[in-house]
Amino acid sequence: MDIKIAERKAWKIVKNYLNIRVYEKKICAPYFINDVGMYFGKLLRDTGINTERIKLVFDIYNNRGIPYGWYRGKGSPKQIEQSVLEIAEIKNVDLNTSSSEGVREFMRSVGLGVDCSGFVYNTLAVAVGEERLIDGLDWFSQERNIYKAGARSFSGFGFKKILPNQVRSLDIIYLENPEPHVALVLMGHGKLWTVQSTSRIIPPGVAVDELRIENKKPVFCFKPYVGRSWEELYDIGKLRFARLGEIEE
């Protein structure tokens, strides 16, 4: 596989996430994780509704039966763009007259965005091929699709741990923070960059930050507004770099 070609494909997806197009506006994709369904399911179980009926409710939710959370944090840039317009029409909201900030707030209010694993999955799937990616992920379900690919899916046998001074484009950063998180590394303009969708910036969403390797250790320009720095997490073994085993020079 030609790494440079794959790298260009990856950057194209990243730039599309950074510039979601709504009418003439460009909006950075917000962060959204589909934990609403989990809590709602627990409420249903706590009220004594049986599993079969709960499944029927979730089938409606997952098939965009309500104007909220479409694609469940796993949407591609095109899917998110289309969903903004469709949900705005359902809710009778005129986004054409809104500011970019107003459109972004509308997206957040209706659960439109991308989570960390959805962002990395979609970017790598385009860059290296979805079949290659699927074969390298850990699956905790019989289903093997983007909706079952959480951050933990990037933590297993398919990704070989590498040292910081070995890092190059299309490698990943996996964190236990204490919740799992995954980010991607890309090369651009002669520098390394971390690209991710994260809830730990304000406003939460897709972010691109420089990564340097100094004295064989990582130095991250990304600084989470809450929690330990990524340098600290690396020092205590809670952050590691890894490479999909199927990606060859």
C-alpha atoms as a PDB file:
ATOM      1  CA  MET A   1       0.000   0.000   0.000  1.00  0.00           C
ATOM      2  CA  ASP A   2       1.242   3.489  -0.853  1.00  0.00           C
ATOM      3  CA  ILE A   3       1.290   5.373   2.464  1.00  0.00           C
ATOM      4  CA  LYS A   4       1.348   8.778   0.763  1.00  0.00           C
ATOM      5  CA  ILE A   5      -1.814   8.046  -1.224  1.00  0.00           C
ATOM      6  CA  ALA A   6      -3.547   6.723   1.909  1.00  0.00           C
ATOM      7  CA  GLU A   7      -2.386   9.804   3.812  1.00  0.00           C
ATOM      8  CA  ARG A   8      -3.932  12.148   1.223  1.00  0.00           C
ATOM      9  CA  LYS A   9      -7.217  10.243   1.409  1.00  0.00           C
ATOM     10  CA  ALA A  10      -7.191  10.513   5.199  1.00  0.00           C
ATOM     11  CA  TRP A  11      -6.549  14.267   5.146  1.00  0.00           C
ATOM     12  CA  LYS A  12      -9.442  14.746   2.738  1.00  0.00           C
ATOM     13  CA  ILE A  13     -11.850  13.114   5.226  1.00  0.00           C
ATOM     14  CA  VAL A  14     -10.399  15.080   8.146  1.00  0.00           C
ATOM     15  CA  LYS A  15     -10.824  18.353   6.247  1.00  0.00           C
ATOM     16  CA  ASN A  16     -14.407  17.413   5.411  1.00  0.00           C
ATOM     17  CA  TYR A  17     -15.122  16.870   9.120  1.00  0.00           C
ATOM     18  CA  LEU A  18     -13.543  20.244   9.863  1.00  0.00           C
ATOM     19  CA  ASN A  19     -15.719  21.876   7.201  1.00  0.00           C
ATOM     20  CA  ILE A  20     -19.206  20.382   7.366  1.00  0.00           C
ATOM     21  CA  ARG A  21     -21.121  22.349   4.732  1.00  0.00           C
ATOM     22  CA  VAL A  22     -24.565  23.702   5.566  1.00  0.00           C
ATOM     23  CA  TYR A  23     -25.750  26.104   2.880  1.00  0.00           C
ATOM     24  CA  GLU A  24     -22.761  28.452   2.464  1.00  0.00           C
ATOM     25  CA  LYS A  25     -21.418  27.858   5.956  1.00  0.00           C
ATOM     26  CA  LYS A  26     -18.546  25.622   7.089  1.00  0.00           C
ATOM     27  CA  ILE A  27     -18.880  24.051  10.537  1.00  0.00           C
ATOM     28  CA  CYS A  28     -16.402  21.920  12.454  1.00  0.00           C
ATOM     29  CA  ALA A  29     -18.136  18.637  13.302  1.00  0.00           C
ATOM     30  CA  PRO A  30     -19.184  18.614  16.976  1.00  0.00           C
ATOM     31  CA  TYR A  31     -18.451  15.711  19.297  1.00  0.00           C
ATOM     32  CA  PHE A  32     -21.399  13.392  19.909  1.00  0.00           C
ATOM     33  CA  ILE A  33     -21.384   9.983  21.576  1.00  0.00           C
ATOM     34  CA  ASN A  34     -24.445   7.779  21.586  1.00  0.00           C
ATOM     35  CA  ASP A  35     -24.845   7.264  25.330  1.00  0.00           C
ATOM     36  CA  VAL A  36     -28.424   8.565  25.314  1.00  0.00           C
ATOM     37  CA  GLY A  37     -29.680   5.208  24.056  1.00  0.00           C
ATOM     38  CA  MET A  38     -27.829   3.356  26.812  1.00  0.00           C
ATOM     39  CA  TYR A  39     -29.470   5.410  29.576  1.00  0.00           C
ATOM     40  CA  PHE A  40     -32.862   5.272  27.897  1.00  0.00           C
ATOM     41  CA  GLY A  41     -32.577   1.474  27.634  1.00  0.00           C
ATOM     42  CA  LYS A  42     -31.804   1.257  31.341  1.00  0.00           C
ATOM     43  CA  LEU A  43     -34.897   3.345  32.136  1.00  0.00           C
ATOM     44  CA  LEU A  44     -37.026   1.006  30.051  1.00  0.00           C
ATOM     45  CA  ARG A  45     -35.626  -2.058  31.823  1.00  0.00           C
ATOM     46  CA  ASP A  46     -36.069  -0.444  35.252  1.00  0.00           C
ATOM     47  CA  THR A  47     -39.752   0.140  34.510  1.00  0.00           C
ATOM     48  CA  GLY A  48     -40.237  -3.541  33.728  1.00  0.00           C
ATOM     49  CA  ILE A  49     -40.474  -3.391  29.943  1.00  0.00           C
ATOM     50  CA  ASN A  50     -39.310  -6.682  28.490  1.00  0.00           C
ATOM     51  CA  THR A  51     -36.279  -7.089  26.213  1.00  0.00           C
ATOM     52  CA  GLU A  52     -38.337  -7.782  23.102  1.00  0.00           C
ATOM     53  CA  ARG A  53     -40.260  -4.525  23.381  1.00  0.00           C
ATOM     54  CA  ILE A  54     -37.099  -2.588  24.218  1.00  0.00           C
ATOM     55  CA  LYS A  55     -35.560  -3.945  21.013  1.00  0.00           C
ATOM     56  CA  LEU A  56     -38.544  -2.665  19.028  1.00  0.00           C
ATOM     57  CA  VAL A  57     -38.045   0.806  20.492  1.00  0.00           C
ATOM     58  CA  PHE A  58     -34.344   0.753  19.640  1.00  0.00           C
ATOM     59  CA  ASP A  59     -35.054  -0.428  16.104  1.00  0.00           C
ATOM     60  CA  ILE A  60     -37.152   2.709  15.633  1.00  0.00           C
ATOM     61  CA  TYR A  61     -34.478   4.912  17.216  1.00  0.00           C
ATOM     62  CA  ASN A  62     -31.647   3.356  15.196  1.00  0.00           C
ATOM     63  CA  ASN A  63     -33.594   3.774  11.966  1.00  0.00           C
ATOM     64  CA  ARG A  64     -33.919   7.531  12.465  1.00  0.00           C
ATOM     65  CA  GLY A  65     -37.451   7.279  13.831  1.00  0.00           C
ATOM     66  CA  ILE A  66     -36.954  10.456  15.839  1.00  0.00           C
ATOM     67  CA  PRO A  67     -35.074  13.617  14.792  1.00  0.00           C
ATOM     68  CA  TYR A  68     -32.170  13.113  17.180  1.00  0.00           C
ATOM     69  CA  GLY A  69     -28.829  11.319  17.158  1.00  0.00           C
ATOM     70  CA  TRP A  70     -28.903  10.133  13.557  1.00  0.00           C
ATOM     71  CA  TYR A  71     -25.925   7.881  12.738  1.00  0.00           C
ATOM     72  CA  ARG A  72     -25.237   7.675  16.476  1.00  0.00           C
ATOM     73  CA  GLY A  73     -21.907   9.495  16.421  1.00  0.00           C
ATOM     74  CA  LYS A  74     -20.605   7.367  13.555  1.00  0.00           C
ATOM     75  CA  GLY A  75     -21.688   9.467  10.579  1.00  0.00           C
ATOM     76  CA  SER A  76     -19.448  10.370   7.657  1.00  0.00           C
ATOM     77  CA  PRO A  77     -19.171  14.074   6.758  1.00  0.00           C
ATOM     78  CA  LYS A  78     -21.725  13.613   3.944  1.00  0.00           C
ATOM     79  CA  GLN A  79     -24.169  11.801   6.238  1.00  0.00           C
ATOM     80  CA  ILE A  80     -23.884  14.541   8.858  1.00  0.00           C
ATOM     81  CA  GLU A  81     -24.353  17.299   6.274  1.00  0.00           C
ATOM     82  CA  GLN A  82     -27.508  15.684   4.918  1.00  0.00           C
ATOM     83  CA  SER A  83     -28.870  14.996   8.402  1.00  0.00           C
ATOM     84  CA  VAL A  84     -28.508  18.643   9.458  1.00  0.00           C
ATOM     85  CA  LEU A  85     -30.752  19.735   6.598  1.00  0.00           C
ATOM     86  CA  GLU A  86     -33.304  16.950   7.052  1.00  0.00           C
ATOM     87  CA  ILE A  87     -33.678  17.399  10.824  1.00  0.00           C
ATOM     88  CA  ALA A  88     -33.893  21.189  10.423  1.00  0.00           C
ATOM     89  CA  GLU A  89     -36.746  20.692   7.957  1.00  0.00           C
ATOM     90  CA  ILE A  90     -38.547  18.310  10.339  1.00  0.00           C
ATOM     91  CA  LYS A  91     -38.194  20.825  13.171  1.00  0.00           C
ATOM     92  CA  ASN A  92     -39.063  23.785  10.918  1.00  0.00           C
ATOM     93  CA  VAL A  93     -35.782  25.564  11.659  1.00  0.00           C
ATOM     94  CA  ASP A  94     -34.382  27.942   9.042  1.00  0.00           C
ATOM     95  CA  LEU A  95     -30.621  27.352   9.178  1.00  0.00           C
ATOM     96  CA  ASN A  96     -30.061  29.410   6.055  1.00  0.00           C
ATOM     97  CA  THR A  97     -30.364  32.574   8.108  1.00  0.00           C
ATOM     98  CA  SER A  98     -28.344  31.257  11.077  1.00  0.00           C
ATOM     99  CA  SER A  99     -24.708  32.008  11.803  1.00  0.00           C
ATOM    100  CA  SER A 100     -22.110  29.239  11.696  1.00  0.00           C
ATOM    101  CA  GLU A 101     -22.172  29.193  15.503  1.00  0.00           C
ATOM    102  CA  GLY A 102     -25.958  28.887  15.446  1.00  0.00           C
ATOM    103  CA  VAL A 103     -25.825  25.937  13.054  1.00  0.00           C
ATOM    104  CA  ARG A 104     -23.242  24.211  15.238  1.00  0.00           C
ATOM    105  CA  GLU A 105     -25.390  24.684  18.335  1.00  0.00           C
ATOM    106  CA  PHE A 106     -28.374  23.287  16.449  1.00  0.00           C
ATOM    107  CA  MET A 107     -26.272  20.236  15.510  1.00  0.00           C
ATOM    108  CA  ARG A 108     -25.289  19.714  19.132  1.00  0.00           C
ATOM    109  CA  SER A 109     -28.890  20.098  20.306  1.00  0.00           C
ATOM    110  CA  VAL A 110     -30.088  17.310  17.990  1.00  0.00           C
ATOM    111  CA  GLY A 111     -27.138  14.964  18.586  1.00  0.00           C
ATOM    112  CA  LEU A 112     -25.389  15.399  15.254  1.00  0.00           C
ATOM    113  CA  GLY A 113     -21.644  14.894  15.312  1.00  0.00           C
ATOM    114  CA  VAL A 114     -18.995  12.222  15.530  1.00  0.00           C
ATOM    115  CA  ASP A 115     -17.358  10.382  18.428  1.00  0.00           C
ATOM    116  CA  CYS A 116     -13.691   9.409  18.647  1.00  0.00           C
ATOM    117  CA  SER A 117     -14.021   5.897  17.222  1.00  0.00           C
ATOM    118  CA  GLY A 118     -16.469   6.964  14.508  1.00  0.00           C
ATOM    119  CA  PHE A 119     -14.008   9.629  13.379  1.00  0.00           C
ATOM    120  CA  VAL A 120     -10.988   7.299  13.307  1.00  0.00           C
ATOM    121  CA  TYR A 121     -12.967   4.437  11.765  1.00  0.00           C
ATOM    122  CA  ASN A 122     -14.347   6.551   8.910  1.00  0.00           C
ATOM    123  CA  THR A 123     -10.986   8.170   8.212  1.00  0.00           C
ATOM    124  CA  LEU A 124      -9.009   4.902   8.196  1.00  0.00           C
ATOM    125  CA  ALA A 125     -11.718   3.063   6.240  1.00  0.00           C
ATOM    126  CA  VAL A 126     -11.322   5.536   3.379  1.00  0.00           C
ATOM    127  CA  ALA A 127      -7.527   5.669   3.652  1.00  0.00           C
ATOM    128  CA  VAL A 128      -6.693   1.960   3.857  1.00  0.00           C
ATOM    129  CA  GLY A 129      -9.937   0.205   2.926  1.00  0.00           C
ATOM    130  CA  GLU A 130     -12.777  -0.860   5.195  1.00  0.00           C
ATOM    131  CA  GLU A 131     -12.158  -4.614   4.863  1.00  0.00           C
ATOM    132  CA  ARG A 132      -8.538  -4.204   5.949  1.00  0.00           C
ATOM    133  CA  LEU A 133      -9.652  -2.125   8.924  1.00  0.00           C
ATOM    134  CA  ILE A 134     -12.441  -4.519   9.950  1.00  0.00           C
ATOM    135  CA  ASP A 135      -9.984  -7.440   9.973  1.00  0.00           C
ATOM    136  CA  GLY A 136      -7.698  -5.544  12.357  1.00  0.00           C
ATOM    137  CA  LEU A 137     -10.285  -4.463  14.933  1.00  0.00           C
ATOM    138  CA  ASP A 138     -11.353  -6.312  18.059  1.00  0.00           C
ATOM    139  CA  TRP A 139     -15.071  -7.039  17.948  1.00  0.00           C
ATOM    140  CA  PHE A 140     -17.128  -7.492  21.104  1.00  0.00           C
ATOM    141  CA  SER A 141     -20.216  -8.362  19.102  1.00  0.00           C
ATOM    142  CA  GLN A 142     -21.115 -10.789  16.343  1.00  0.00           C
ATOM    143  CA  GLU A 143     -21.784  -7.779  14.146  1.00  0.00           C
ATOM    144  CA  ARG A 144     -18.766  -6.226  12.448  1.00  0.00           C
ATOM    145  CA  ASN A 145     -19.702  -2.714  11.402  1.00  0.00           C
ATOM    146  CA  ILE A 146     -18.993   0.864  12.390  1.00  0.00           C
ATOM    147  CA  TYR A 147     -21.842   0.930  14.933  1.00  0.00           C
ATOM    148  CA  LYS A 148     -20.140  -1.848  16.918  1.00  0.00           C
ATOM    149  CA  ALA A 149     -16.667  -0.319  16.687  1.00  0.00           C
ATOM    150  CA  GLY A 150     -15.985   1.601  19.893  1.00  0.00           C
ATOM    151  CA  ALA A 151     -12.649   2.944  21.083  1.00  0.00           C
ATOM    152  CA  ARG A 152     -11.835  -0.418  22.697  1.00  0.00           C
ATOM    153  CA  SER A 153     -12.008  -2.055  19.274  1.00  0.00           C
ATOM    154  CA  PHE A 154      -8.725  -0.298  18.472  1.00  0.00           C
ATOM    155  CA  SER A 155      -6.925  -1.713  21.510  1.00  0.00           C
ATOM    156  CA  GLY A 156      -6.326  -5.329  20.518  1.00  0.00           C
ATOM    157  CA  PHE A 157      -4.238  -7.744  18.519  1.00  0.00           C
ATOM    158  CA  GLY A 158      -4.766  -6.042  15.156  1.00  0.00           C
ATOM    159  CA  PHE A 159      -2.775  -2.982  16.231  1.00  0.00           C
ATOM    160  CA  LYS A 160       0.911  -3.500  16.995  1.00  0.00           C
ATOM    161  CA  LYS A 161       2.388  -1.286  19.699  1.00  0.00           C
ATOM    162  CA  ILE A 162       5.162   0.996  18.451  1.00  0.00           C
ATOM    163  CA  LEU A 163       7.602   3.438  20.040  1.00  0.00           C
ATOM    164  CA  PRO A 164       7.166   7.204  19.715  1.00  0.00           C
ATOM    165  CA  ASN A 165      10.201   7.535  17.439  1.00  0.00           C
ATOM    166  CA  GLN A 166       8.609   5.011  15.058  1.00  0.00           C
ATOM    167  CA  VAL A 167       5.374   6.940  14.637  1.00  0.00           C
ATOM    168  CA  ARG A 168       4.217   7.893  11.134  1.00  0.00           C
ATOM    169  CA  SER A 169       1.016   8.624   9.232  1.00  0.00           C
ATOM    170  CA  LEU A 170      -2.010   6.369   9.867  1.00  0.00           C
ATOM    171  CA  ASP A 171      -0.765   5.185  13.264  1.00  0.00           C
ATOM    172  CA  ILE A 172      -3.181   5.521  16.156  1.00  0.00           C
ATOM    173  CA  ILE A 173      -3.017   6.818  19.704  1.00  0.00           C
ATOM    174  CA  TYR A 174      -4.954   4.725  22.203  1.00  0.00           C
ATOM    175  CA  LEU A 175      -5.690   6.097  25.667  1.00  0.00           C
ATOM    176  CA  GLU A 176      -7.185   4.781  28.889  1.00  0.00           C
ATOM    177  CA  ASN A 177      -8.206   8.086  30.345  1.00  0.00           C
ATOM    178  CA  PRO A 178      -9.844   6.409  32.386  1.00  0.00           C
ATOM    179  CA  GLU A 179     -12.424   5.897  29.631  1.00  0.00           C
ATOM    180  CA  PRO A 180     -10.972   4.597  26.348  1.00  0.00           C
ATOM    181  CA  HIS A 181     -10.223   7.125  23.629  1.00  0.00           C
ATOM    182  CA  VAL A 182      -8.658   6.799  20.179  1.00  0.00           C
ATOM    183  CA  ALA A 183      -7.002   9.379  17.923  1.00  0.00           C
ATOM    184  CA  LEU A 184      -5.141   9.211  14.630  1.00  0.00           C
ATOM    185  CA  VAL A 185      -1.679  10.432  13.611  1.00  0.00           C
ATOM    186  CA  LEU A 186      -1.118  12.046  10.208  1.00  0.00           C
ATOM    187  CA  MET A 187       1.862  13.711   8.586  1.00  0.00           C
ATOM    188  CA  GLY A 188       1.425  17.092   6.911  1.00  0.00           C
ATOM    189  CA  HIS A 189       3.770  19.936   5.946  1.00  0.00           C
ATOM    190  CA  GLY A 190       6.688  17.916   7.293  1.00  0.00           C
ATOM    191  CA  LYS A 191       5.144  17.599  10.767  1.00  0.00           C
ATOM    192  CA  LEU A 192       3.196  15.000  12.724  1.00  0.00           C
ATOM    193  CA  TRP A 193      -0.354  15.849  13.800  1.00  0.00           C
ATOM    194  CA  THR A 194      -2.906  14.310  16.123  1.00  0.00           C
ATOM    195  CA  VAL A 195      -6.384  14.296  14.596  1.00  0.00           C
ATOM    196  CA  GLN A 196      -9.386  13.315  16.679  1.00  0.00           C
ATOM    197  CA  SER A 197     -12.925  14.026  17.817  1.00  0.00           C
ATOM    198  CA  THR A 198     -12.915  14.787  21.515  1.00  0.00           C
ATOM    199  CA  SER A 199     -15.137  16.023  24.326  1.00  0.00           C
ATOM    200  CA  ARG A 200     -12.118  17.480  26.150  1.00  0.00           C
ATOM    201  CA  ILE A 201     -11.892  20.746  24.252  1.00  0.00           C
ATOM    202  CA  ILE A 202     -14.234  23.739  24.171  1.00  0.00           C
ATOM    203  CA  PRO A 203     -16.289  23.535  22.053  1.00  0.00           C
ATOM    204  CA  PRO A 204     -16.057  19.728  21.821  1.00  0.00           C
ATOM    205  CA  GLY A 205     -15.477  18.295  18.375  1.00  0.00           C
ATOM    206  CA  VAL A 206     -12.892  17.502  15.719  1.00  0.00           C
ATOM    207  CA  ALA A 207      -9.416  18.892  16.412  1.00  0.00           C
ATOM    208  CA  VAL A 208      -5.991  18.883  14.740  1.00  0.00           C
ATOM    209  CA  ASP A 209      -2.871  19.555  16.833  1.00  0.00           C
ATOM    210  CA  GLU A 210       0.843  19.202  16.273  1.00  0.00           C
ATOM    211  CA  LEU A 211       2.710  16.233  17.744  1.00  0.00           C
ATOM    212  CA  ARG A 212       6.469  16.337  18.358  1.00  0.00           C
ATOM    213  CA  ILE A 213       8.830  13.578  19.418  1.00  0.00           C
ATOM    214  CA  GLU A 214      11.570  14.880  21.700  1.00  0.00           C
ATOM    215  CA  ASN A 215      14.131  12.680  23.461  1.00  0.00           C
ATOM    216  CA  LYS A 216      12.153   9.626  22.287  1.00  0.00           C
ATOM    217  CA  LYS A 217       9.029  10.848  24.082  1.00  0.00           C
ATOM    218  CA  PRO A 218       5.869  12.470  22.728  1.00  0.00           C
ATOM    219  CA  VAL A 219       5.079  16.148  23.209  1.00  0.00           C
ATOM    220  CA  PHE A 220       1.456  16.970  22.425  1.00  0.00           C
ATOM    221  CA  CYS A 221       0.237  20.442  21.508  1.00  0.00           C
ATOM    222  CA  PHE A 222      -3.257  19.150  22.325  1.00  0.00           C
ATOM    223  CA  LYS A 223      -4.073  20.095  25.920  1.00  0.00           C
ATOM    224  CA  PRO A 224      -7.306  18.637  27.352  1.00  0.00           C
ATOM    225  CA  TYR A 225      -9.222  21.171  29.416  1.00  0.00           C
ATOM    226  CA  VAL A 226      -9.905  18.514  32.056  1.00  0.00           C
ATOM    227  CA  GLY A 227      -7.957  15.490  33.243  1.00  0.00           C
ATOM    228  CA  ARG A 228      -4.295  14.557  32.955  1.00  0.00           C
ATOM    229  CA  SER A 229      -2.109  15.678  30.083  1.00  0.00           C
ATOM    230  CA  TRP A 230      -1.339  13.146  27.383  1.00  0.00           C
ATOM    231  CA  GLU A 231       2.351  13.317  28.335  1.00  0.00           C
ATOM    232  CA  GLU A 232       1.438  12.190  31.873  1.00  0.00           C
ATOM    233  CA  LEU A 233      -0.744   9.394  30.511  1.00  0.00           C
ATOM    234  CA  TYR A 234       2.136   8.191  28.341  1.00  0.00           C
ATOM    235  CA  ASP A 235       4.533   8.233  31.318  1.00  0.00           C
ATOM    236  CA  ILE A 236       2.215   6.042  33.414  1.00  0.00           C
ATOM    237  CA  GLY A 237       1.483   3.608  30.597  1.00  0.00           C
ATOM    238  CA  LYS A 238      -2.076   4.789  29.890  1.00  0.00           C
ATOM    239  CA  LEU A 239      -1.319   6.050  26.391  1.00  0.00           C
ATOM    240  CA  ARG A 240       0.322   4.129  23.596  1.00  0.00           C
ATOM    241  CA  PHE A 241       0.984   4.378  19.899  1.00  0.00           C
ATOM    242  CA  ALA A 242       0.003   1.504  17.637  1.00  0.00           C
ATOM    243  CA  ARG A 243      -0.092   0.551  13.953  1.00  0.00           C
ATOM    244  CA  LEU A 244      -2.652  -1.494  12.090  1.00  0.00           C
ATOM    245  CA  GLY A 245      -0.831  -4.689  11.205  1.00  0.00           C
ATOM    246  CA  GLU A 246      -2.266  -4.700   7.695  1.00  0.00           C
ATOM    247  CA  ILE A 247      -0.662  -1.363   6.814  1.00  0.00           C
ATOM    248  CA  GLU A 248       2.650  -1.923   5.054  1.00  0.00           C
ATOM    249  CA  GLU A 249       5.029   0.494   3.377  1.00  0.00           C
END
